[in-house]
Amino acid sequence: LNEPINEQPVQAQPVEAAPVAPKSSAWKIVLITVFCCLLLVVMVAVVLVGSGMITFNGNVETTTTEPTTTEPSLQQPADYKSYTVDAETANAKASEVVATIGNMQLTNGELQVYYWMGIYEFISSNSYWLSYMGVDFSQPLDQQLYNPETGETWQEAMLEYALTTWHQYTAVGLQADEAGFVLDDAGQSYLQNLDADIASQMSQYGYATLEEMLANEMGPGASAQGYKNYLSAGYYAIQYVTNMQNSIDPALEDLEAYFTEHETEYTANGVTKDAGNVIDVRHVLIMPEGGTTDENNVTTYSEDEWEACRVKAQQLLDDWKAADGDEVSFSVMAQEHSEDGGSAANGGLYTNVTEGYMVEEFNDWIFDEGRLYGDTDLVKTQFGYHIMFFVKSEPSWLSTARSDYQADKINAMIEGALEKWPLVTNYDAIVLGNAPNA
């Protein structure tokens, strides 16, 4: 994945580089399912609170102090419980049902997929904090304490995380079915091409079969069909949640009332009605080509190279204006031409941008007081030329209240689905194959 190049905010970089989690070929699989992280973001309060991994306090983030590094606790708890079995047992019990939701069934083989995908997602999302958590994912998780007070191990915690994720995907999917939700053409195409996409990944990383890939990355017992179910169920649930969220359009008076109701929490977190505006903007980054790199790895470009970059950007802007010249086609142009790895896939869109967050020239253009929807221009920064498309400006409190209002509605929908379709788990039947090499 490319790192964001252009809009890297001047104050957003940490003073010290964050440590990177150890890599393995298993991370390649995560790339196939990176979209699943979106559902975890939307449902984060439900998933992590349900699994006991975090506590949740209201609708706004609370400030915490910097934790101290904790050594992994590699001793067996007093009430030691392990679900790990040898490869022969894991494969023999792969088809055994371990959980149900109505008529839906989860087998050990599918659970193994959810378990390891959950671990890889957890490592990816918490790479900076792992050293503070007292866990070493290269060591057996059934021998590391997650909660010293209860004796719960990290294996048990990640197992609950996996079960909760399956519960969410399944219950939300059932809710979508009941509501008559139908995937759009792009969604249908994604599911139809799923086998081909998986085959492409297998070929790229040297696996002859999906079973071989899963055995190497997720241990014995991992089910090929379970992996496909994981991908399709997660995608379907995400699309439904996204559709539901986009349909929530509260009136101004509703947001006023919501903000007033939570004003104490908002004020404590610096969200006030005089906190300024936030901006939504699209852009296409065109970077200069060539350049000269010095011994400090700093690249400079000649006037001719910068001019060639400007001409290329101007031509794209002119062609777009001569065609549809609307936001939809601008989004397509960004997907096809933008060299900003952080926004290109999203049509060049940045949302809720605050004053001073972007580099100076970019910031000054979008925060111009006369800026209106659909305004376009070329803006030169140290990273290249940006083809700009202004979307909107609104008070930051209003944007925050709308996001939290929508999140409350979505979480209520999810919680309702979880209650309507409860999870029944047979822990005695659960087995997990030996961990793959991390």
Protein backbone atom coordinates (compact mmCIF):
# COMPACT_ATOMS: atom_id res chain seq x y z
CA LEU A 1 0.00 0.00 0.00
CA ASN A 2 1.28 3.44 -0.86
CA GLU A 3 1.69 5.97 1.89
CA PRO A 4 -0.21 9.27 1.60
CA ILE A 5 2.09 11.66 -0.19
CA ASN A 6 0.55 15.07 -0.56
CA GLU A 7 -1.69 16.07 2.23
CA GLN A 8 0.51 14.76 4.97
CA PRO A 9 -0.39 17.34 7.63
CA VAL A 10 2.58 19.21 8.93
CA GLN A 11 1.79 18.45 12.56
CA ALA A 12 0.39 14.96 12.20
CA GLN A 13 3.67 13.05 12.12
CA PRO A 14 4.76 11.65 15.50
CA VAL A 15 8.01 12.95 16.91
CA GLU A 16 9.38 9.44 16.94
CA ALA A 17 8.58 6.81 14.38
CA ALA A 18 6.07 4.28 15.62
CA PRO A 19 7.35 0.70 15.80
CA VAL A 20 6.14 -1.58 13.04
CA ALA A 21 4.68 -4.98 13.86
CA PRO A 22 6.65 -7.96 12.57
CA LYS A 23 5.61 -8.87 9.04
CA SER A 24 4.89 -12.24 7.53
CA SER A 25 3.24 -13.46 4.37
CA ALA A 26 -0.01 -13.52 6.33
CA TRP A 27 -0.20 -9.77 5.89
CA LYS A 28 -0.74 -10.39 2.18
CA ILE A 29 -4.06 -11.99 2.99
CA VAL A 30 -5.07 -8.98 5.04
CA LEU A 31 -4.74 -6.86 1.92
CA ILE A 32 -7.44 -8.91 0.26
CA THR A 33 -9.83 -8.07 3.07
CA VAL A 34 -8.77 -4.55 4.00
CA PHE A 35 -12.33 -3.40 3.43
CA CYS A 36 -13.39 -5.46 6.44
CA CYS A 37 -11.64 -2.93 8.67
CA LEU A 38 -14.27 -0.41 7.61
CA LEU A 39 -16.97 -2.46 9.27
CA LEU A 40 -14.87 -2.72 12.40
CA VAL A 41 -14.61 1.09 12.44
CA VAL A 42 -18.35 1.51 12.04
CA MET A 43 -19.07 -1.14 14.66
CA VAL A 44 -16.08 -0.53 16.90
CA ALA A 45 -18.13 0.22 20.00
CA VAL A 46 -20.10 -2.99 19.63
CA VAL A 47 -17.22 -5.30 18.68
CA LEU A 48 -14.57 -4.21 21.15
CA VAL A 49 -16.86 -3.51 24.05
CA GLY A 50 -18.55 -6.85 23.46
CA SER A 51 -15.20 -8.62 23.55
CA GLY A 52 -14.02 -6.68 26.59
CA MET A 53 -10.99 -5.22 24.77
CA ILE A 54 -11.85 -1.59 25.40
CA THR A 55 -14.22 0.43 27.48
CA PHE A 56 -16.56 2.92 25.86
CA ASN A 57 -17.54 6.23 27.37
CA GLY A 58 -20.10 8.19 25.41
CA ASN A 59 -19.94 9.42 21.82
CA VAL A 60 -16.70 11.36 21.89
CA GLU A 61 -13.17 10.17 22.43
CA THR A 62 -11.67 10.61 25.86
CA THR A 63 -8.08 11.57 26.52
CA THR A 64 -5.84 8.92 28.05
CA THR A 65 -2.31 9.10 29.38
CA GLU A 66 0.63 7.48 27.60
CA PRO A 67 0.84 3.85 28.75
CA THR A 68 4.02 2.25 29.94
CA THR A 69 5.66 -0.68 28.22
CA THR A 70 4.55 -4.02 29.64
CA GLU A 71 6.43 -7.27 29.26
CA PRO A 72 4.37 -10.21 27.92
CA SER A 73 3.00 -12.43 30.66
CA LEU A 74 4.16 -15.84 29.46
CA GLN A 75 3.03 -17.89 32.43
CA GLN A 76 0.04 -20.22 32.52
CA PRO A 77 -2.97 -18.76 34.34
CA ALA A 78 -4.29 -20.57 37.40
CA ASP A 79 -7.41 -21.69 35.53
CA TYR A 80 -5.46 -22.57 32.40
CA LYS A 81 -7.68 -23.15 29.37
CA SER A 82 -6.32 -23.82 25.91
CA TYR A 83 -8.21 -24.46 22.68
CA THR A 84 -5.05 -25.33 20.77
CA VAL A 85 -4.84 -28.84 19.33
CA ASP A 86 -2.51 -30.70 17.00
CA ALA A 87 -2.90 -30.57 13.24
CA GLU A 88 -4.58 -33.97 12.97
CA THR A 89 -7.26 -33.06 15.50
CA ALA A 90 -7.80 -29.61 13.99
CA ASN A 91 -8.36 -31.07 10.52
CA ALA A 92 -10.57 -33.88 11.85
CA LYS A 93 -12.83 -31.44 13.71
CA ALA A 94 -12.85 -28.68 11.09
CA SER A 95 -16.44 -29.38 10.03
CA GLU A 96 -17.82 -29.64 13.59
CA VAL A 97 -20.37 -26.92 14.41
CA VAL A 98 -19.34 -24.71 17.33
CA ALA A 99 -21.84 -21.84 17.19
CA THR A 100 -25.25 -21.06 15.74
CA ILE A 101 -27.37 -18.00 15.01
CA GLY A 102 -30.83 -19.19 14.13
CA ASN A 103 -30.30 -21.57 11.20
CA MET A 104 -26.80 -20.25 10.52
CA GLN A 105 -23.88 -22.41 11.64
CA LEU A 106 -20.22 -21.70 12.37
CA THR A 107 -17.74 -24.57 12.09
CA ASN A 108 -14.31 -24.90 13.62
CA GLY A 109 -12.80 -24.45 10.16
CA GLU A 110 -14.57 -21.14 9.63
CA LEU A 111 -13.90 -20.03 13.20
CA GLN A 112 -10.19 -20.58 12.59
CA VAL A 113 -10.41 -18.06 9.74
CA TYR A 114 -12.25 -15.48 11.86
CA TYR A 115 -9.79 -16.04 14.70
CA TRP A 116 -6.65 -15.42 12.65
CA MET A 117 -8.10 -12.63 10.54
CA GLY A 118 -9.08 -10.97 13.80
CA ILE A 119 -5.52 -11.32 15.10
CA TYR A 120 -4.01 -9.87 11.92
CA GLU A 121 -6.48 -6.98 11.95
CA PHE A 122 -5.75 -6.39 15.64
CA ILE A 123 -1.99 -6.31 15.04
CA SER A 124 -2.42 -3.98 12.07
CA SER A 125 -4.68 -1.59 13.98
CA ASN A 126 -2.56 -1.58 17.15
CA SER A 127 1.00 -1.89 15.85
CA TYR A 128 2.13 1.15 17.82
CA TRP A 129 0.56 -0.06 21.07
CA LEU A 130 1.49 -3.75 21.09
CA SER A 131 4.58 -3.19 23.22
CA TYR A 132 2.38 -1.55 25.85
CA MET A 133 -0.20 -4.33 25.88
CA GLY A 134 2.00 -7.03 27.33
CA VAL A 135 1.42 -9.49 24.48
CA ASP A 136 3.78 -11.21 22.06
CA PHE A 137 1.90 -12.57 19.04
CA SER A 138 4.88 -14.68 18.03
CA GLN A 139 4.35 -16.73 21.22
CA PRO A 140 1.39 -18.99 22.12
CA LEU A 141 -1.54 -16.80 23.09
CA ASP A 142 -3.03 -19.46 25.34
CA GLN A 143 -0.07 -18.95 27.69
CA GLN A 144 -0.29 -15.15 27.93
CA LEU A 145 -2.59 -13.39 30.37
CA TYR A 146 -4.98 -10.84 28.92
CA ASN A 147 -6.75 -10.14 32.20
CA PRO A 148 -4.72 -11.05 35.31
CA GLU A 149 -7.77 -10.56 37.56
CA THR A 150 -9.93 -13.12 35.77
CA GLY A 151 -7.18 -15.36 34.39
CA GLU A 152 -8.44 -14.81 30.83
CA THR A 153 -5.76 -15.46 28.22
CA TRP A 154 -5.12 -13.60 25.01
CA GLN A 155 -6.30 -16.67 23.14
CA GLU A 156 -9.66 -16.46 24.90
CA ALA A 157 -9.87 -12.72 24.26
CA MET A 158 -9.16 -13.12 20.53
CA LEU A 159 -11.55 -16.04 20.37
CA GLU A 160 -14.32 -13.85 21.77
CA TYR A 161 -13.34 -11.19 19.25
CA ALA A 162 -13.72 -13.74 16.43
CA LEU A 163 -17.08 -15.00 17.68
CA THR A 164 -18.36 -11.45 18.08
CA THR A 165 -17.28 -10.58 14.55
CA TRP A 166 -19.11 -13.61 13.13
CA HIS A 167 -22.15 -12.68 15.21
CA GLN A 168 -22.09 -9.14 13.79
CA TYR A 169 -21.54 -10.12 10.17
CA THR A 170 -24.27 -12.72 10.36
CA ALA A 171 -26.86 -10.72 12.31
CA VAL A 172 -26.36 -7.63 10.17
CA GLY A 173 -26.60 -9.80 7.06
CA LEU A 174 -29.88 -11.27 8.29
CA GLN A 175 -31.12 -7.76 9.03
CA ALA A 176 -30.18 -6.74 5.49
CA ASP A 177 -32.02 -9.74 4.03
CA GLU A 178 -35.11 -8.91 6.06
CA ALA A 179 -34.98 -5.30 4.85
CA GLY A 180 -34.80 -6.44 1.23
CA PHE A 181 -31.34 -5.00 0.70
CA VAL A 182 -29.76 -5.73 -2.69
CA LEU A 183 -26.14 -5.05 -3.58
CA ASP A 184 -25.52 -2.58 -6.39
CA ASP A 185 -23.81 -3.61 -9.61
CA ALA A 186 -20.34 -2.99 -8.17
CA GLY A 187 -21.15 -5.15 -5.16
CA GLN A 188 -22.53 -7.95 -7.28
CA SER A 189 -19.42 -7.77 -9.45
CA TYR A 190 -17.16 -7.99 -6.41
CA LEU A 191 -18.80 -11.17 -5.17
CA GLN A 192 -18.84 -12.70 -8.65
CA ASN A 193 -15.11 -12.05 -9.02
CA LEU A 194 -14.20 -13.22 -5.52
CA ASP A 195 -12.84 -16.60 -6.61
CA ALA A 196 -10.76 -14.98 -9.34
CA ASP A 197 -9.37 -12.38 -6.92
CA ILE A 198 -8.39 -15.07 -4.43
CA ALA A 199 -6.78 -17.14 -7.20
CA SER A 200 -4.79 -14.09 -8.27
CA GLN A 201 -3.47 -13.60 -4.74
CA MET A 202 -2.58 -17.29 -4.46
CA SER A 203 -0.64 -17.14 -7.72
CA GLN A 204 1.11 -13.92 -6.78
CA TYR A 205 2.44 -15.38 -3.54
CA GLY A 206 3.23 -18.84 -4.81
CA TYR A 207 0.38 -20.95 -3.43
CA ALA A 208 -1.03 -23.76 -5.55
CA THR A 209 -4.32 -24.04 -3.64
CA LEU A 210 -6.39 -21.98 -1.24
CA GLU A 211 -6.10 -24.79 1.30
CA GLU A 212 -2.31 -24.52 1.17
CA MET A 213 -2.44 -20.75 1.66
CA LEU A 214 -4.80 -20.99 4.63
CA ALA A 215 -2.86 -23.82 6.27
CA ASN A 216 0.32 -21.75 6.06
CA GLU A 217 -1.22 -18.45 7.14
CA MET A 218 -3.93 -19.57 9.57
CA GLY A 219 -2.87 -22.99 10.72
CA PRO A 220 -4.37 -26.45 10.18
CA GLY A 221 -8.14 -26.75 10.10
CA ALA A 222 -8.81 -23.39 8.44
CA SER A 223 -11.64 -23.85 5.96
CA ALA A 224 -11.46 -22.63 2.36
CA GLN A 225 -15.23 -22.21 2.24
CA GLY A 226 -15.07 -20.50 5.62
CA TYR A 227 -12.58 -18.01 4.22
CA LYS A 228 -14.86 -17.23 1.29
CA ASN A 229 -17.79 -16.90 3.67
CA TYR A 230 -15.75 -14.51 5.80
CA LEU A 231 -15.05 -12.29 2.78
CA SER A 232 -18.56 -12.31 1.36
CA ALA A 233 -20.37 -11.93 4.69
CA GLY A 234 -18.13 -9.04 5.73
CA TYR A 235 -18.56 -7.29 2.40
CA TYR A 236 -22.33 -7.70 2.42
CA ALA A 237 -22.59 -6.38 5.97
CA ILE A 238 -20.37 -3.39 5.20
CA GLN A 239 -22.41 -2.44 2.17
CA TYR A 240 -25.64 -2.62 4.14
CA VAL A 241 -24.26 -0.56 7.03
CA THR A 242 -22.87 2.00 4.59
CA ASN A 243 -26.21 2.19 2.82
CA MET A 244 -28.02 2.66 6.11
CA GLN A 245 -25.58 5.32 7.29
CA ASN A 246 -25.92 7.28 4.04
CA SER A 247 -29.69 7.23 4.43
CA ILE A 248 -29.54 8.95 7.82
CA ASP A 249 -29.94 12.67 7.14
CA PRO A 250 -30.95 14.44 10.36
CA ALA A 251 -32.51 17.89 10.24
CA LEU A 252 -30.65 20.86 11.69
CA GLU A 253 -32.98 21.05 14.67
CA ASP A 254 -32.29 17.39 15.46
CA LEU A 255 -28.53 18.04 15.43
CA GLU A 256 -28.97 21.13 17.59
CA ALA A 257 -30.87 19.06 20.13
CA TYR A 258 -28.32 16.24 19.96
CA PHE A 259 -25.42 18.63 20.52
CA THR A 260 -27.20 20.26 23.46
CA GLU A 261 -27.86 16.84 25.00
CA HIS A 262 -24.15 15.94 24.82
CA GLU A 263 -22.70 19.44 25.21
CA THR A 264 -20.90 18.62 28.47
CA GLU A 265 -18.95 15.78 26.87
CA TYR A 266 -18.29 17.80 23.72
CA THR A 267 -17.00 20.80 25.61
CA ALA A 268 -14.67 18.60 27.65
CA ASN A 269 -13.17 17.39 24.37
CA GLY A 270 -12.83 20.82 22.80
CA VAL A 271 -15.89 20.59 20.54
CA THR A 272 -17.70 23.92 20.84
CA LYS A 273 -19.87 26.02 18.56
CA ASP A 274 -17.09 28.56 18.06
CA ALA A 275 -14.43 25.98 17.15
CA GLY A 276 -14.38 26.92 13.45
CA ASN A 277 -15.32 25.06 10.29
CA VAL A 278 -14.29 21.77 8.72
CA ILE A 279 -13.90 21.19 5.00
CA ASP A 280 -14.70 18.39 2.56
CA VAL A 281 -12.57 18.54 -0.57
CA ARG A 282 -11.53 16.33 -3.47
CA HIS A 283 -8.23 16.57 -5.27
CA VAL A 284 -6.04 14.86 -7.84
CA LEU A 285 -2.31 14.91 -7.14
CA ILE A 286 0.07 15.02 -10.10
CA MET A 287 3.71 14.69 -9.06
CA PRO A 288 6.66 15.96 -11.08
CA GLU A 289 8.79 13.36 -12.82
CA GLY A 290 12.56 13.05 -12.85
CA GLY A 291 14.29 15.12 -10.21
CA THR A 292 17.67 14.96 -8.53
CA THR A 293 18.10 13.22 -5.18
CA ASP A 294 20.91 14.33 -2.87
CA GLU A 295 22.77 12.42 -0.18
CA ASN A 296 20.04 13.22 2.34
CA ASN A 297 17.45 11.54 0.08
CA VAL A 298 15.85 14.93 -0.72
CA THR A 299 14.62 15.20 -4.30
CA THR A 300 14.50 18.52 -6.13
CA TYR A 301 12.99 19.24 -9.53
CA SER A 302 14.02 21.63 -12.28
CA GLU A 303 11.77 24.43 -13.56
CA ASP A 304 11.13 22.40 -16.72
CA GLU A 305 10.09 19.34 -14.67
CA TRP A 306 7.71 21.44 -12.59
CA GLU A 307 6.29 23.04 -15.74
CA ALA A 308 5.70 19.62 -17.33
CA CYS A 309 3.86 18.60 -14.16
CA ARG A 310 1.68 21.74 -14.32
CA VAL A 311 0.86 21.19 -17.99
CA LYS A 312 -0.19 17.60 -17.31
CA ALA A 313 -2.43 18.67 -14.44
CA GLN A 314 -3.94 21.53 -16.43
CA GLN A 315 -4.71 19.21 -19.34
CA LEU A 316 -6.53 16.80 -17.03
CA LEU A 317 -8.52 19.69 -15.56
CA ASP A 318 -9.40 21.04 -19.01
CA ASP A 319 -10.47 17.61 -20.28
CA TRP A 320 -12.65 17.09 -17.20
CA LYS A 321 -14.32 20.48 -17.66
CA ALA A 322 -14.93 19.76 -21.35
CA ALA A 323 -16.65 16.49 -20.47
CA ASP A 324 -19.12 16.13 -17.60
CA GLY A 325 -17.36 18.50 -15.25
CA ASP A 326 -19.24 17.21 -12.20
CA GLU A 327 -18.22 15.70 -8.87
CA VAL A 328 -18.85 12.11 -9.94
CA SER A 329 -16.53 12.35 -12.94
CA PHE A 330 -13.97 14.21 -10.82
CA SER A 331 -14.01 11.27 -8.43
CA VAL A 332 -13.35 8.90 -11.32
CA MET A 333 -10.49 11.10 -12.51
CA ALA A 334 -8.94 10.95 -9.05
CA GLN A 335 -9.20 7.17 -8.95
CA GLU A 336 -7.51 6.89 -12.34
CA HIS A 337 -4.83 9.59 -12.13
CA SER A 338 -4.17 10.78 -8.58
CA GLU A 339 -0.80 9.86 -7.08
CA ASP A 340 -2.00 10.39 -3.52
CA GLY A 341 -2.18 6.86 -2.13
CA GLY A 342 -4.22 8.06 0.84
CA SER A 343 -7.23 9.35 -1.09
CA ALA A 344 -7.18 8.17 -4.71
CA ALA A 345 -9.26 5.04 -4.09
CA ASN A 346 -11.89 7.23 -2.41
CA GLY A 347 -12.17 9.59 -5.36
CA GLY A 348 -9.63 12.01 -3.94
CA LEU A 349 -11.92 12.85 -1.02
CA TYR A 350 -10.79 14.25 2.31
CA THR A 351 -13.51 14.97 4.87
CA ASN A 352 -13.70 17.03 8.07
CA VAL A 353 -10.41 18.79 7.39
CA THR A 354 -9.57 21.32 10.11
CA GLU A 355 -7.67 24.59 9.77
CA GLY A 356 -3.91 24.02 9.61
CA TYR A 357 -4.17 20.27 9.05
CA MET A 358 -3.03 20.33 5.43
CA VAL A 359 0.14 21.82 3.99
CA GLU A 360 0.01 25.60 3.73
CA GLU A 361 -0.92 26.15 0.07
CA PHE A 362 -3.57 23.42 0.14
CA ASN A 363 -4.93 24.73 3.45
CA ASP A 364 -5.13 28.35 2.26
CA TRP A 365 -7.10 27.41 -0.86
CA ILE A 366 -9.74 25.31 0.86
CA PHE A 367 -10.22 27.76 3.74
CA ASP A 368 -10.71 30.79 1.50
CA GLU A 369 -13.87 32.46 2.83
CA GLY A 370 -15.38 32.82 -0.64
CA ARG A 371 -14.97 29.17 -1.54
CA LEU A 372 -18.15 27.58 -3.01
CA TYR A 373 -19.21 24.08 -4.00
CA GLY A 374 -17.69 23.03 -7.31
CA ASP A 375 -14.82 25.55 -7.26
CA THR A 376 -11.77 24.13 -9.07
CA ASP A 377 -8.20 25.25 -9.50
CA LEU A 378 -4.60 24.09 -9.62
CA VAL A 379 -2.64 24.39 -6.37
CA LYS A 380 1.10 23.82 -6.24
CA THR A 381 2.65 22.37 -3.10
CA GLN A 382 6.00 20.76 -2.37
CA PHE A 383 4.47 17.44 -3.46
CA GLY A 384 3.19 18.44 -6.88
CA TYR A 385 0.19 20.06 -8.52
CA HIS A 386 -3.24 19.41 -7.02
CA ILE A 387 -6.36 19.60 -9.14
CA MET A 388 -8.88 20.85 -6.57
CA PHE A 389 -12.64 20.37 -6.26
CA PHE A 390 -14.30 22.08 -3.31
CA VAL A 391 -17.16 20.10 -1.76
CA LYS A 392 -18.38 21.88 1.37
CA SER A 393 -17.62 23.80 4.55
CA GLU A 394 -19.60 23.56 7.75
CA PRO A 395 -19.14 24.26 11.47
CA SER A 396 -17.05 21.56 13.12
CA TRP A 397 -19.60 21.06 15.89
CA LEU A 398 -22.26 20.34 13.28
CA SER A 399 -20.09 17.80 11.49
CA THR A 400 -19.20 16.09 14.77
CA ALA A 401 -22.80 16.00 15.95
CA ARG A 402 -23.96 14.55 12.61
CA SER A 403 -21.31 11.80 12.69
CA ASP A 404 -22.17 10.88 16.27
CA TYR A 405 -25.89 11.04 15.57
CA GLN A 406 -25.48 8.67 12.63
CA ALA A 407 -23.21 6.40 14.68
CA ASP A 408 -25.81 6.19 17.44
CA LYS A 409 -28.48 5.18 14.94
CA ILE A 410 -26.22 2.61 13.29
CA ASN A 411 -25.10 1.14 16.62
CA ALA A 412 -28.72 0.91 17.73
CA MET A 413 -29.53 -0.94 14.53
CA ILE A 414 -26.61 -3.32 15.04
CA GLU A 415 -27.44 -3.93 18.69
CA GLY A 416 -31.04 -4.62 17.72
CA ALA A 417 -29.88 -7.16 15.15
CA LEU A 418 -27.61 -8.86 17.70
CA GLU A 419 -30.51 -9.12 20.16
CA LYS A 420 -32.92 -10.40 17.52
CA TRP A 421 -30.48 -13.06 16.29
CA PRO A 422 -28.53 -14.15 19.39
CA LEU A 423 -25.32 -16.17 19.29
CA VAL A 424 -25.28 -19.63 20.85
CA THR A 425 -21.77 -21.05 21.35
CA ASN A 426 -20.64 -24.56 22.27
CA TYR A 427 -17.22 -23.83 23.76
CA ASP A 428 -16.61 -27.52 24.47
CA ALA A 429 -16.56 -28.18 20.72
CA ILE A 430 -14.08 -25.42 19.82
CA VAL A 431 -10.57 -26.35 18.69
CA LEU A 432 -7.89 -24.13 17.17
CA GLY A 433 -5.06 -25.45 15.04
CA ASN A 434 -1.47 -24.70 15.95
CA ALA A 435 -0.48 -21.14 15.19
CA PRO A 436 1.14 -20.48 11.80
CA ASN A 437 4.56 -18.88 11.67
CA ALA A 438 4.06 -15.16 12.40
